[in-house]
């Protein structure tokens, strides 16, 4: 049942899909954690794999960068492949001074400067929320693993290089926003419209105020605690 962006057949995806942005991170998760993982999609290099984790069928597929990209892939997974849960496992820039590099956070709701929500017909502002069921399970899994995982609002930005003054991060810090990333807002809205479940688990890769950051390889291969929390609730 291929779509324009996905050559997987009906039934190739598990009910739960982990969704990193980077296709190489999807491959890393499949190679590291999934038993008998097989490639089910590779259109445009957006690698999708399905295998087993602790006896459960689990899939992982990249989303690419930005809300238009994850909007396409999450829509197709929810509507064409009957996926029930998508867990974004991504990197984010630190906004809250309570965090540090490698902190793991869970996005309870998502703010945005995007117009992605206009397609759903609501004329006001939207701040979609994650699935409470997935969030509750993730918090419990993190606690069992001894991981401190702050939960709160996150900011999904349509602009990576933002030259405006004042920068959104400076304003959002005072509103209790934890971090900035580029996909969760669209994922949460697509899940809400489809009646499905979504959650963003994010590891802090950089500080937007100081410029401190990790390398692309470190982001891809060392955020294992976040990946393990997601796999535990898949």
C-alpha atoms as a PDB file:
ATOM      1  CA  UNK A   1       0.000   0.000   0.000  1.00  0.00           C
ATOM      2  CA  UNK A   2       2.685   2.517  -0.953  1.00  0.00           C
ATOM      3  CA  UNK A   3       2.124   6.252  -0.876  1.00  0.00           C
ATOM      4  CA  UNK A   4       4.117   8.893  -2.727  1.00  0.00           C
ATOM      5  CA  UNK A   5       6.557   8.947   0.190  1.00  0.00           C
ATOM      6  CA  UNK A   6       6.413   5.406   1.557  1.00  0.00           C
ATOM      7  CA  UNK A   7       6.822   2.041  -0.174  1.00  0.00           C
ATOM      8  CA  UNK A   8       5.974  -0.061   2.890  1.00  0.00           C
ATOM      9  CA  UNK A   9       3.122  -2.514   2.493  1.00  0.00           C
ATOM     10  CA  UNK A  10       0.049  -2.642   4.712  1.00  0.00           C
ATOM     11  CA  UNK A  11       1.079  -4.252   7.997  1.00  0.00           C
ATOM     12  CA  UNK A  12       4.781  -3.420   7.643  1.00  0.00           C
ATOM     13  CA  UNK A  13       4.622  -0.829  10.420  1.00  0.00           C
ATOM     14  CA  UNK A  14       3.996  -1.664  14.061  1.00  0.00           C
ATOM     15  CA  UNK A  15       1.216   0.109  15.983  1.00  0.00           C
ATOM     16  CA  UNK A  16       3.924   2.283  17.575  1.00  0.00           C
ATOM     17  CA  UNK A  17       6.554   4.135  15.548  1.00  0.00           C
ATOM     18  CA  UNK A  18       9.549   5.931  17.020  1.00  0.00           C
ATOM     19  CA  UNK A  19      10.297   8.968  14.879  1.00  0.00           C
ATOM     20  CA  UNK A  20      13.684  10.693  14.989  1.00  0.00           C
ATOM     21  CA  UNK A  21      14.399  13.464  12.523  1.00  0.00           C
ATOM     22  CA  UNK A  22      17.642  12.002  11.177  1.00  0.00           C
ATOM     23  CA  UNK A  23      17.454   8.875   8.954  1.00  0.00           C
ATOM     24  CA  UNK A  24      20.827   7.784  10.337  1.00  0.00           C
ATOM     25  CA  UNK A  25      19.422   7.952  13.856  1.00  0.00           C
ATOM     26  CA  UNK A  26      16.570   5.716  12.726  1.00  0.00           C
ATOM     27  CA  UNK A  27      19.158   3.247  11.434  1.00  0.00           C
ATOM     28  CA  UNK A  28      21.126   3.509  14.692  1.00  0.00           C
ATOM     29  CA  UNK A  29      18.028   2.705  16.755  1.00  0.00           C
ATOM     30  CA  UNK A  30      17.146  -0.238  14.509  1.00  0.00           C
ATOM     31  CA  UNK A  31      20.690  -1.632  14.530  1.00  0.00           C
ATOM     32  CA  UNK A  32      21.195  -1.119  18.256  1.00  0.00           C
ATOM     33  CA  UNK A  33      17.866  -2.065  19.778  1.00  0.00           C
ATOM     34  CA  UNK A  34      15.613  -3.982  17.385  1.00  0.00           C
ATOM     35  CA  UNK A  35      15.829  -7.727  16.834  1.00  0.00           C
ATOM     36  CA  UNK A  36      15.462  -8.907  13.233  1.00  0.00           C
ATOM     37  CA  UNK A  37      14.984  -5.328  12.023  1.00  0.00           C
ATOM     38  CA  UNK A  38      14.110  -5.014   8.351  1.00  0.00           C
ATOM     39  CA  UNK A  39      14.015  -1.971   6.123  1.00  0.00           C
ATOM     40  CA  UNK A  40      10.420  -1.248   5.091  1.00  0.00           C
ATOM     41  CA  UNK A  41      10.842   2.198   3.541  1.00  0.00           C
ATOM     42  CA  UNK A  42      13.705   4.155   2.008  1.00  0.00           C
ATOM     43  CA  UNK A  43      11.998   6.671  -0.289  1.00  0.00           C
ATOM     44  CA  UNK A  44      14.174   9.808  -0.423  1.00  0.00           C
ATOM     45  CA  UNK A  45      16.468   8.200   2.154  1.00  0.00           C
ATOM     46  CA  UNK A  46      13.804   8.418   4.882  1.00  0.00           C
ATOM     47  CA  UNK A  47      14.616   5.068   6.377  1.00  0.00           C
ATOM     48  CA  UNK A  48      11.907   3.070   8.152  1.00  0.00           C
ATOM     49  CA  UNK A  49      12.545  -0.203   9.990  1.00  0.00           C
ATOM     50  CA  UNK A  50      10.406  -2.738  11.806  1.00  0.00           C
ATOM     51  CA  UNK A  51      11.676  -5.305  14.296  1.00  0.00           C
ATOM     52  CA  UNK A  52      11.159  -6.518  17.836  1.00  0.00           C
ATOM     53  CA  UNK A  53      12.065  -4.990  21.180  1.00  0.00           C
ATOM     54  CA  UNK A  54      11.602  -7.260  24.219  1.00  0.00           C
ATOM     55  CA  UNK A  55       9.106  -9.345  22.273  1.00  0.00           C
ATOM     56  CA  UNK A  56       7.071  -6.388  20.986  1.00  0.00           C
ATOM     57  CA  UNK A  57       6.801  -5.357  17.339  1.00  0.00           C
ATOM     58  CA  UNK A  58       8.214  -1.832  17.062  1.00  0.00           C
ATOM     59  CA  UNK A  59       8.965   0.442  14.116  1.00  0.00           C
ATOM     60  CA  UNK A  60      11.268   3.402  13.712  1.00  0.00           C
ATOM     61  CA  UNK A  61      11.228   5.867  10.824  1.00  0.00           C
ATOM     62  CA  UNK A  62      12.789   9.261  10.249  1.00  0.00           C
ATOM     63  CA  UNK A  63      10.672  12.384   9.881  1.00  0.00           C
ATOM     64  CA  UNK A  64      13.152  14.691   8.203  1.00  0.00           C
ATOM     65  CA  UNK A  65      13.434  18.287   9.395  1.00  0.00           C
ATOM     66  CA  UNK A  66      10.584  20.683  10.059  1.00  0.00           C
ATOM     67  CA  UNK A  67       6.820  20.608  10.373  1.00  0.00           C
ATOM     68  CA  UNK A  68       5.978  20.165   6.670  1.00  0.00           C
ATOM     69  CA  UNK A  69       8.130  17.026   6.600  1.00  0.00           C
ATOM     70  CA  UNK A  70       6.881  15.370   9.790  1.00  0.00           C
ATOM     71  CA  UNK A  71       3.388  16.521   8.797  1.00  0.00           C
ATOM     72  CA  UNK A  72       3.518  14.372   5.669  1.00  0.00           C
ATOM     73  CA  UNK A  73       5.044  11.273   7.251  1.00  0.00           C
ATOM     74  CA  UNK A  74       2.943  11.276  10.419  1.00  0.00           C
ATOM     75  CA  UNK A  75      -0.249  11.833   8.385  1.00  0.00           C
ATOM     76  CA  UNK A  76       0.505   8.852   6.176  1.00  0.00           C
ATOM     77  CA  UNK A  77       1.431   6.624   9.106  1.00  0.00           C
ATOM     78  CA  UNK A  78      -1.741   7.515  11.008  1.00  0.00           C
ATOM     79  CA  UNK A  79      -4.145   7.363   8.062  1.00  0.00           C
ATOM     80  CA  UNK A  80      -2.666   4.934   5.537  1.00  0.00           C
ATOM     81  CA  UNK A  81      -0.819   2.463   7.782  1.00  0.00           C
ATOM     82  CA  UNK A  82      -3.094   2.483  10.855  1.00  0.00           C
ATOM     83  CA  UNK A  83      -0.261   3.479  13.210  1.00  0.00           C
ATOM     84  CA  UNK A  84      -1.710   4.293  16.633  1.00  0.00           C
ATOM     85  CA  UNK A  85       1.236   5.932  18.404  1.00  0.00           C
ATOM     86  CA  UNK A  86       4.117   8.077  17.179  1.00  0.00           C
ATOM     87  CA  UNK A  87       6.863   8.948  19.639  1.00  0.00           C
ATOM     88  CA  UNK A  88       9.204  11.650  18.408  1.00  0.00           C
ATOM     89  CA  UNK A  89      12.741  11.081  19.717  1.00  0.00           C
ATOM     90  CA  UNK A  90      14.654  14.198  18.816  1.00  0.00           C
ATOM     91  CA  UNK A  91      17.114  16.863  19.800  1.00  0.00           C
ATOM     92  CA  UNK A  92      16.255  20.334  21.040  1.00  0.00           C
ATOM     93  CA  UNK A  93      17.802  23.644  22.014  1.00  0.00           C
ATOM     94  CA  UNK A  94      17.724  24.574  25.679  1.00  0.00           C
ATOM     95  CA  UNK A  95      15.475  27.488  26.691  1.00  0.00           C
ATOM     96  CA  UNK A  96      14.858  26.841  30.403  1.00  0.00           C
ATOM     97  CA  UNK A  97      17.873  27.694  32.593  1.00  0.00           C
ATOM     98  CA  UNK A  98      16.945  24.680  34.731  1.00  0.00           C
ATOM     99  CA  UNK A  99      18.168  22.359  31.963  1.00  0.00           C
ATOM    100  CA  UNK A 100      21.619  21.463  30.724  1.00  0.00           C
ATOM    101  CA  UNK A 101      23.159  19.733  27.724  1.00  0.00           C
ATOM    102  CA  UNK A 102      21.882  16.113  27.566  1.00  0.00           C
ATOM    103  CA  UNK A 103      18.833  16.802  29.743  1.00  0.00           C
ATOM    104  CA  UNK A 104      15.796  14.780  28.600  1.00  0.00           C
ATOM    105  CA  UNK A 105      12.414  16.501  28.491  1.00  0.00           C
ATOM    106  CA  UNK A 106       8.882  15.470  27.556  1.00  0.00           C
ATOM    107  CA  UNK A 107       6.730  17.921  25.629  1.00  0.00           C
ATOM    108  CA  UNK A 108       3.343  18.197  27.337  1.00  0.00           C
ATOM    109  CA  UNK A 109       2.173  20.871  24.887  1.00  0.00           C
ATOM    110  CA  UNK A 110       3.674  22.667  21.910  1.00  0.00           C
ATOM    111  CA  UNK A 111       3.716  26.374  21.078  1.00  0.00           C
ATOM    112  CA  UNK A 112       4.677  27.530  17.611  1.00  0.00           C
ATOM    113  CA  UNK A 113       5.198  30.382  15.164  1.00  0.00           C
ATOM    114  CA  UNK A 114       3.925  28.049  12.422  1.00  0.00           C
ATOM    115  CA  UNK A 115       0.709  28.389  10.433  1.00  0.00           C
ATOM    116  CA  UNK A 116       0.411  24.587  10.232  1.00  0.00           C
ATOM    117  CA  UNK A 117      -2.730  24.588  12.391  1.00  0.00           C
ATOM    118  CA  UNK A 118      -4.695  26.848  10.022  1.00  0.00           C
ATOM    119  CA  UNK A 119      -5.544  23.872   7.804  1.00  0.00           C
ATOM    120  CA  UNK A 120      -7.808  22.466  10.527  1.00  0.00           C
ATOM    121  CA  UNK A 121     -10.193  25.414  10.295  1.00  0.00           C
ATOM    122  CA  UNK A 122      -9.820  26.973  13.738  1.00  0.00           C
ATOM    123  CA  UNK A 123      -9.357  30.747  13.592  1.00  0.00           C
ATOM    124  CA  UNK A 124      -7.653  31.195  16.973  1.00  0.00           C
ATOM    125  CA  UNK A 125      -4.292  30.065  18.328  1.00  0.00           C
ATOM    126  CA  UNK A 126      -3.604  26.391  18.944  1.00  0.00           C
ATOM    127  CA  UNK A 127      -1.288  24.826  21.523  1.00  0.00           C
ATOM    128  CA  UNK A 128      -1.817  21.078  21.019  1.00  0.00           C
ATOM    129  CA  UNK A 129      -1.036  18.583  23.748  1.00  0.00           C
ATOM    130  CA  UNK A 130       0.572  15.176  23.734  1.00  0.00           C
ATOM    131  CA  UNK A 131      -1.179  11.922  24.590  1.00  0.00           C
ATOM    132  CA  UNK A 132      -1.569  11.784  28.373  1.00  0.00           C
ATOM    133  CA  UNK A 133      -1.396   7.990  28.259  1.00  0.00           C
ATOM    134  CA  UNK A 134       1.990   8.026  26.511  1.00  0.00           C
ATOM    135  CA  UNK A 135       3.241  10.843  28.742  1.00  0.00           C
ATOM    136  CA  UNK A 136       2.235   9.014  31.911  1.00  0.00           C
ATOM    137  CA  UNK A 137       3.978   5.850  30.740  1.00  0.00           C
ATOM    138  CA  UNK A 138       7.117   7.773  29.741  1.00  0.00           C
ATOM    139  CA  UNK A 139       7.359   9.507  33.112  1.00  0.00           C
ATOM    140  CA  UNK A 140       6.995   6.146  34.866  1.00  0.00           C
ATOM    141  CA  UNK A 141       9.639   4.552  32.620  1.00  0.00           C
ATOM    142  CA  UNK A 142      12.067   7.414  33.226  1.00  0.00           C
ATOM    143  CA  UNK A 143      11.526   7.106  36.970  1.00  0.00           C
ATOM    144  CA  UNK A 144      12.252   3.356  36.855  1.00  0.00           C
ATOM    145  CA  UNK A 145      15.471   4.106  34.960  1.00  0.00           C
ATOM    146  CA  UNK A 146      16.498   6.772  37.467  1.00  0.00           C
ATOM    147  CA  UNK A 147      16.250   9.523  34.849  1.00  0.00           C
ATOM    148  CA  UNK A 148      15.054  12.994  35.801  1.00  0.00           C
ATOM    149  CA  UNK A 149      12.792  14.084  32.935  1.00  0.00           C
ATOM    150  CA  UNK A 150      11.141  17.523  33.202  1.00  0.00           C
ATOM    151  CA  UNK A 151       7.692  17.775  31.635  1.00  0.00           C
ATOM    152  CA  UNK A 152       6.286  20.997  30.223  1.00  0.00           C
ATOM    153  CA  UNK A 153       5.605  23.143  27.162  1.00  0.00           C
ATOM    154  CA  UNK A 154       8.018  23.148  24.240  1.00  0.00           C
ATOM    155  CA  UNK A 155       8.365  25.488  21.279  1.00  0.00           C
ATOM    156  CA  UNK A 156       8.230  24.236  17.686  1.00  0.00           C
ATOM    157  CA  UNK A 157       9.838  26.790  15.409  1.00  0.00           C
ATOM    158  CA  UNK A 158       9.472  27.183  11.651  1.00  0.00           C
ATOM    159  CA  UNK A 159      12.755  29.121  11.560  1.00  0.00           C
ATOM    160  CA  UNK A 160      16.135  27.669  12.515  1.00  0.00           C
ATOM    161  CA  UNK A 161      18.204  30.804  11.940  1.00  0.00           C
ATOM    162  CA  UNK A 162      16.125  33.478  13.667  1.00  0.00           C
ATOM    163  CA  UNK A 163      17.517  37.005  13.461  1.00  0.00           C
ATOM    164  CA  UNK A 164      14.516  38.790  15.013  1.00  0.00           C
ATOM    165  CA  UNK A 165      14.741  40.859  18.186  1.00  0.00           C
ATOM    166  CA  UNK A 166      13.840  39.960  20.817  1.00  0.00           C
ATOM    167  CA  UNK A 167      14.522  36.349  20.010  1.00  0.00           C
ATOM    168  CA  UNK A 168      11.584  34.041  20.760  1.00  0.00           C
ATOM    169  CA  UNK A 169      13.660  32.025  23.225  1.00  0.00           C
ATOM    170  CA  UNK A 170      14.198  35.046  25.454  1.00  0.00           C
ATOM    171  CA  UNK A 171      10.448  35.694  25.609  1.00  0.00           C
ATOM    172  CA  UNK A 172       9.447  32.040  25.978  1.00  0.00           C
ATOM    173  CA  UNK A 173      11.919  31.431  28.807  1.00  0.00           C
ATOM    174  CA  UNK A 174       9.794  33.643  31.060  1.00  0.00           C
ATOM    175  CA  UNK A 175       6.702  31.620  30.102  1.00  0.00           C
ATOM    176  CA  UNK A 176       8.226  28.373  31.347  1.00  0.00           C
ATOM    177  CA  UNK A 177       8.945  26.880  27.933  1.00  0.00           C
ATOM    178  CA  UNK A 178      11.585  24.170  28.226  1.00  0.00           C
ATOM    179  CA  UNK A 179      13.200  24.007  24.807  1.00  0.00           C
ATOM    180  CA  UNK A 180      12.935  24.678  21.080  1.00  0.00           C
ATOM    181  CA  UNK A 181      12.657  22.113  18.288  1.00  0.00           C
ATOM    182  CA  UNK A 182      10.946  22.006  14.886  1.00  0.00           C
ATOM    183  CA  UNK A 183       8.420  19.155  14.621  1.00  0.00           C
ATOM    184  CA  UNK A 184       6.225  18.410  17.662  1.00  0.00           C
ATOM    185  CA  UNK A 185       3.521  21.002  16.951  1.00  0.00           C
ATOM    186  CA  UNK A 186       2.621  19.407  13.615  1.00  0.00           C
ATOM    187  CA  UNK A 187       2.852  15.892  15.027  1.00  0.00           C
ATOM    188  CA  UNK A 188       0.522  16.701  17.929  1.00  0.00           C
ATOM    189  CA  UNK A 189      -2.038  18.346  15.656  1.00  0.00           C
ATOM    190  CA  UNK A 190      -2.001  15.462  13.176  1.00  0.00           C
ATOM    191  CA  UNK A 191      -2.454  12.994  16.024  1.00  0.00           C
ATOM    192  CA  UNK A 192      -5.338  14.985  17.483  1.00  0.00           C
ATOM    193  CA  UNK A 193      -7.115  15.208  14.126  1.00  0.00           C
ATOM    194  CA  UNK A 194      -6.642  11.491  13.487  1.00  0.00           C
ATOM    195  CA  UNK A 195      -7.723  10.477  16.982  1.00  0.00           C
ATOM    196  CA  UNK A 196      -4.302   8.895  17.573  1.00  0.00           C
ATOM    197  CA  UNK A 197      -1.505   9.344  20.130  1.00  0.00           C
ATOM    198  CA  UNK A 198       1.729  11.314  19.980  1.00  0.00           C
ATOM    199  CA  UNK A 199       4.527  12.301  22.335  1.00  0.00           C
ATOM    200  CA  UNK A 200       7.799  14.180  21.879  1.00  0.00           C
ATOM    201  CA  UNK A 201      10.762  13.051  23.952  1.00  0.00           C
ATOM    202  CA  UNK A 202      13.694  15.403  23.436  1.00  0.00           C
ATOM    203  CA  UNK A 203      17.309  15.524  24.505  1.00  0.00           C
ATOM    204  CA  UNK A 204      19.012  18.892  24.808  1.00  0.00           C
ATOM    205  CA  UNK A 205      21.775  19.137  22.224  1.00  0.00           C
ATOM    206  CA  UNK A 206      22.591  22.848  22.407  1.00  0.00           C
ATOM    207  CA  UNK A 207      22.153  26.047  24.377  1.00  0.00           C
ATOM    208  CA  UNK A 208      20.515  28.729  22.233  1.00  0.00           C
ATOM    209  CA  UNK A 209      21.861  31.492  24.486  1.00  0.00           C
ATOM    210  CA  UNK A 210      25.533  30.451  24.784  1.00  0.00           C
ATOM    211  CA  UNK A 211      26.062  28.538  21.532  1.00  0.00           C
ATOM    212  CA  UNK A 212      27.271  25.406  23.345  1.00  0.00           C
ATOM    213  CA  UNK A 213      26.376  22.344  21.272  1.00  0.00           C
ATOM    214  CA  UNK A 214      27.065  18.685  20.585  1.00  0.00           C
ATOM    215  CA  UNK A 215      28.229  17.272  17.261  1.00  0.00           C
ATOM    216  CA  UNK A 216      25.842  15.629  14.802  1.00  0.00           C
ATOM    217  CA  UNK A 217      27.376  12.231  15.561  1.00  0.00           C
ATOM    218  CA  UNK A 218      26.966  12.730  19.315  1.00  0.00           C
ATOM    219  CA  UNK A 219      23.328  13.680  18.773  1.00  0.00           C
ATOM    220  CA  UNK A 220      22.806  10.614  16.601  1.00  0.00           C
ATOM    221  CA  UNK A 221      24.524   7.998  18.750  1.00  0.00           C
ATOM    222  CA  UNK A 222      24.656   9.079  22.403  1.00  0.00           C
ATOM    223  CA  UNK A 223      21.055   9.978  23.251  1.00  0.00           C
ATOM    224  CA  UNK A 224      20.424   6.394  24.319  1.00  0.00           C
ATOM    225  CA  UNK A 225      18.427   7.074  27.515  1.00  0.00           C
ATOM    226  CA  UNK A 226      15.784   8.952  25.532  1.00  0.00           C
ATOM    227  CA  UNK A 227      15.612   6.113  22.992  1.00  0.00           C
ATOM    228  CA  UNK A 228      15.275   3.520  25.761  1.00  0.00           C
ATOM    229  CA  UNK A 229      12.434   5.408  27.472  1.00  0.00           C
ATOM    230  CA  UNK A 230      10.580   5.502  24.142  1.00  0.00           C
ATOM    231  CA  UNK A 231      11.173   1.813  23.489  1.00  0.00           C
ATOM    232  CA  UNK A 232       9.937   0.878  26.958  1.00  0.00           C
ATOM    233  CA  UNK A 233       6.542   2.471  26.262  1.00  0.00           C
ATOM    234  CA  UNK A 234       6.246   1.360  22.621  1.00  0.00           C
END
